Amino acid sequence: MKKFLMLSAALVFSACSPPAERGAEAPDTPTPQVQACNSIAPDSARLVRIEEAPAVAAAASDLSGGPITPGVYDLTRAVRIGGATGWQDARSVALEVSEGESGVVFQWAGAAAGGEVDRWSAGFTDTPEPRISYTCGRIGEVEIGFTASADNLNLRIPDGADGALYLEFARRT
């Protein structure tokens, strides 16, 4: 009889409890967010592969600078210098150059065909030596080489432990 009373009491208490929810979703957990450094869009019709051309790489070592015209530039050519890692597949890259209170800013956006966009932002200075200081998407400060004209911008940016990428850009019109 004692077992019967205990079982009856358990049934009474369980009848008073709210039913367990079935199929209830787990509480929302924050999803890691990728920081969007900029909103520049690379032109997917302008895919570029990295060339392995030592003669061009040697010529790229003497970049004389010049005034950079603000605007959006599209990558037209890329050359691997030394042991640069670079990218493997064809990519489209856009580089926006702007001037602000803190100086010249580079906004980079690059993507393989149909791939996720790689973005970074950096401050640029050309005195006493040309360099960029990454502010988003990458960390650090690196010396670069550059030459510029009204509609073209050529950059030599360190890539990997002992290499660089020589990049030629044409200004969008």
Protein backbone atom coordinates (compact mmCIF):
# COMPACT_ATOMS: atom_id res chain seq x y z
CA MET A 1 0.00 0.00 0.00
CA LYS A 2 2.88 2.33 0.75
CA LYS A 3 4.16 1.89 -2.82
CA PHE A 4 0.67 2.64 -4.16
CA LEU A 5 0.46 5.91 -2.19
CA MET A 6 3.92 7.01 -3.31
CA LEU A 7 3.07 6.24 -6.95
CA SER A 8 -0.23 8.15 -6.62
CA ALA A 9 1.56 11.16 -5.09
CA ALA A 10 4.11 11.15 -7.92
CA LEU A 11 1.31 11.11 -10.49
CA VAL A 12 -0.47 14.02 -8.77
CA PHE A 13 2.70 16.11 -8.66
CA SER A 14 3.57 15.34 -12.27
CA ALA A 15 0.06 16.38 -13.35
CA CYS A 16 0.63 19.80 -11.76
CA SER A 17 3.96 20.33 -13.53
CA PRO A 18 3.94 21.95 -16.96
CA PRO A 19 4.61 19.50 -19.78
CA ALA A 20 8.14 19.32 -21.11
CA GLU A 21 8.49 21.14 -24.42
CA ARG A 22 9.23 18.92 -27.33
CA GLY A 23 11.44 20.12 -30.13
CA ALA A 24 12.33 23.27 -28.22
CA GLU A 25 15.26 25.06 -29.77
CA ALA A 26 18.41 25.61 -27.82
CA PRO A 27 18.86 29.16 -26.59
CA ASP A 28 20.49 31.49 -29.08
CA THR A 29 24.25 31.50 -28.80
CA PRO A 30 26.18 34.32 -30.36
CA THR A 31 27.70 33.37 -33.69
CA PRO A 32 31.21 34.66 -34.32
CA GLN A 33 31.01 37.61 -36.69
CA VAL A 34 33.59 38.31 -39.36
CA GLN A 35 34.62 41.93 -39.20
CA ALA A 36 33.89 43.70 -42.47
CA CYS A 37 36.80 46.07 -43.04
CA ASN A 38 35.19 47.75 -46.04
CA SER A 39 32.46 47.36 -48.63
CA ILE A 40 34.60 47.48 -51.78
CA ALA A 41 33.51 44.98 -54.44
CA PRO A 42 36.08 43.29 -56.67
CA ASP A 43 35.13 43.03 -60.35
CA SER A 44 34.63 39.28 -60.84
CA ALA A 45 35.11 39.71 -64.60
CA ARG A 46 38.74 40.76 -64.03
CA LEU A 47 40.41 37.60 -62.73
CA VAL A 48 44.21 37.67 -62.49
CA ARG A 49 46.68 34.81 -61.92
CA ILE A 50 50.07 35.35 -60.29
CA GLU A 51 52.90 35.18 -62.83
CA GLU A 52 56.28 33.61 -62.23
CA ALA A 53 58.41 36.06 -64.21
CA PRO A 54 61.86 36.81 -62.73
CA ALA A 55 62.65 39.53 -65.31
CA VAL A 56 59.56 41.52 -64.36
CA ALA A 57 60.26 40.91 -60.68
CA ALA A 58 63.73 42.42 -61.06
CA ALA A 59 62.29 45.49 -62.83
CA ALA A 60 59.75 45.86 -60.03
CA SER A 61 62.51 46.47 -57.50
CA ASP A 62 62.86 50.15 -58.54
CA LEU A 63 59.52 51.80 -57.79
CA SER A 64 59.90 55.57 -57.70
CA GLY A 65 56.71 56.69 -55.92
CA GLY A 66 54.58 59.58 -57.13
CA PRO A 67 51.22 61.14 -56.26
CA ILE A 68 48.43 58.57 -55.88
CA THR A 69 45.07 59.60 -57.32
CA PRO A 70 42.15 58.68 -55.04
CA GLY A 71 39.66 56.22 -56.50
CA VAL A 72 38.99 52.52 -56.97
CA TYR A 73 41.61 50.48 -58.79
CA ASP A 74 41.32 46.98 -60.28
CA LEU A 75 44.21 44.52 -60.29
CA THR A 76 45.48 43.91 -63.84
CA ARG A 77 48.66 41.94 -63.14
CA ALA A 78 50.36 40.12 -60.26
CA VAL A 79 53.95 38.82 -60.12
CA ARG A 80 55.54 36.66 -57.46
CA ILE A 81 58.94 37.93 -56.26
CA GLY A 82 61.23 35.55 -54.40
CA GLY A 83 59.48 33.14 -52.04
CA ALA A 84 56.12 34.95 -51.97
CA THR A 85 53.19 32.65 -51.23
CA GLY A 86 50.41 34.74 -52.79
CA TRP A 87 47.26 33.00 -53.91
CA GLN A 88 46.93 29.91 -56.06
CA ASP A 89 43.86 30.49 -58.20
CA ALA A 90 42.84 33.44 -60.34
CA ARG A 91 41.48 36.31 -58.23
CA SER A 92 39.81 39.63 -58.78
CA VAL A 93 41.06 42.43 -56.55
CA ALA A 94 39.83 45.97 -56.00
CA LEU A 95 41.81 48.58 -54.09
CA GLU A 96 40.19 51.83 -53.02
CA VAL A 97 42.51 54.73 -52.25
CA SER A 98 41.06 57.63 -50.28
CA GLU A 99 42.29 60.62 -48.32
CA GLY A 100 41.00 61.41 -44.86
CA GLU A 101 41.92 63.38 -41.77
CA SER A 102 44.45 60.74 -40.77
CA GLY A 103 46.03 60.51 -44.24
CA VAL A 104 45.80 58.11 -47.18
CA VAL A 105 43.83 54.90 -46.66
CA PHE A 106 43.95 51.69 -48.71
CA GLN A 107 40.84 49.44 -48.71
CA TRP A 108 41.48 45.98 -50.27
CA ALA A 109 38.92 43.40 -51.40
CA GLY A 110 39.94 40.26 -53.28
CA ALA A 111 38.19 37.01 -54.15
CA ALA A 112 38.68 33.87 -56.19
CA ALA A 113 35.90 33.15 -58.69
CA GLY A 114 32.77 32.57 -56.63
CA GLY A 115 34.76 32.63 -53.38
CA GLU A 116 34.61 34.52 -50.13
CA VAL A 117 35.97 38.07 -50.23
CA ASP A 118 39.25 38.73 -48.37
CA ARG A 119 39.30 42.29 -47.02
CA TRP A 120 41.78 44.52 -45.27
CA SER A 121 42.30 48.20 -44.59
CA ALA A 122 45.53 50.08 -44.01
CA GLY A 123 46.88 53.57 -43.54
CA PHE A 124 49.53 54.56 -46.11
CA THR A 125 52.46 56.91 -45.68
CA ASP A 126 55.32 57.60 -48.06
CA THR A 127 57.61 59.55 -45.74
CA PRO A 128 60.29 58.84 -44.71
CA GLU A 129 59.82 55.42 -46.35
CA PRO A 130 56.66 54.09 -48.03
CA ARG A 131 54.74 51.81 -45.68
CA ILE A 132 51.29 50.62 -44.82
CA SER A 133 49.92 50.08 -41.33
CA TYR A 134 47.11 47.55 -41.28
CA THR A 135 44.06 48.69 -39.34
CA CYS A 136 41.62 45.87 -40.12
CA GLY A 137 41.85 42.33 -41.48
CA ARG A 138 45.61 42.07 -40.98
CA ILE A 139 48.04 43.07 -38.28
CA GLY A 140 51.26 45.05 -38.39
CA GLU A 141 53.14 47.53 -40.48
CA VAL A 142 55.23 46.77 -43.57
CA GLU A 143 57.47 48.69 -45.94
CA ILE A 144 56.17 48.73 -49.50
CA GLY A 145 57.34 50.00 -52.85
CA PHE A 146 55.04 51.94 -55.15
CA THR A 147 54.85 54.00 -58.27
CA ALA A 148 51.78 55.95 -59.33
CA SER A 149 50.42 57.94 -62.22
CA ALA A 150 46.97 59.44 -62.89
CA ASP A 151 45.36 56.10 -63.79
CA ASN A 152 47.81 53.44 -62.58
CA LEU A 153 49.18 52.25 -59.28
CA ASN A 154 51.91 49.64 -58.87
CA LEU A 155 52.67 48.16 -55.44
CA ARG A 156 55.30 45.81 -54.10
CA ILE A 157 53.95 44.34 -50.86
CA PRO A 158 55.82 41.82 -48.66
CA ASP A 159 54.23 38.37 -48.78
CA GLY A 160 55.43 35.42 -46.74
CA ALA A 161 58.77 35.21 -44.96
CA ASP A 162 61.06 36.05 -47.87
CA GLY A 163 59.05 37.31 -50.80
CA ALA A 164 56.77 40.01 -52.14
CA LEU A 165 53.98 40.49 -54.63
CA TYR A 166 54.31 43.03 -57.40
CA LEU A 167 50.78 44.24 -58.20
CA GLU A 168 49.67 46.46 -61.09
CA PHE A 169 46.35 48.28 -60.77
CA ALA A 170 44.35 50.39 -63.25
CA ARG A 171 41.92 53.03 -62.01
CA ARG A 172 38.23 52.36 -62.68
CA THR A 173 36.57 54.85 -64.94
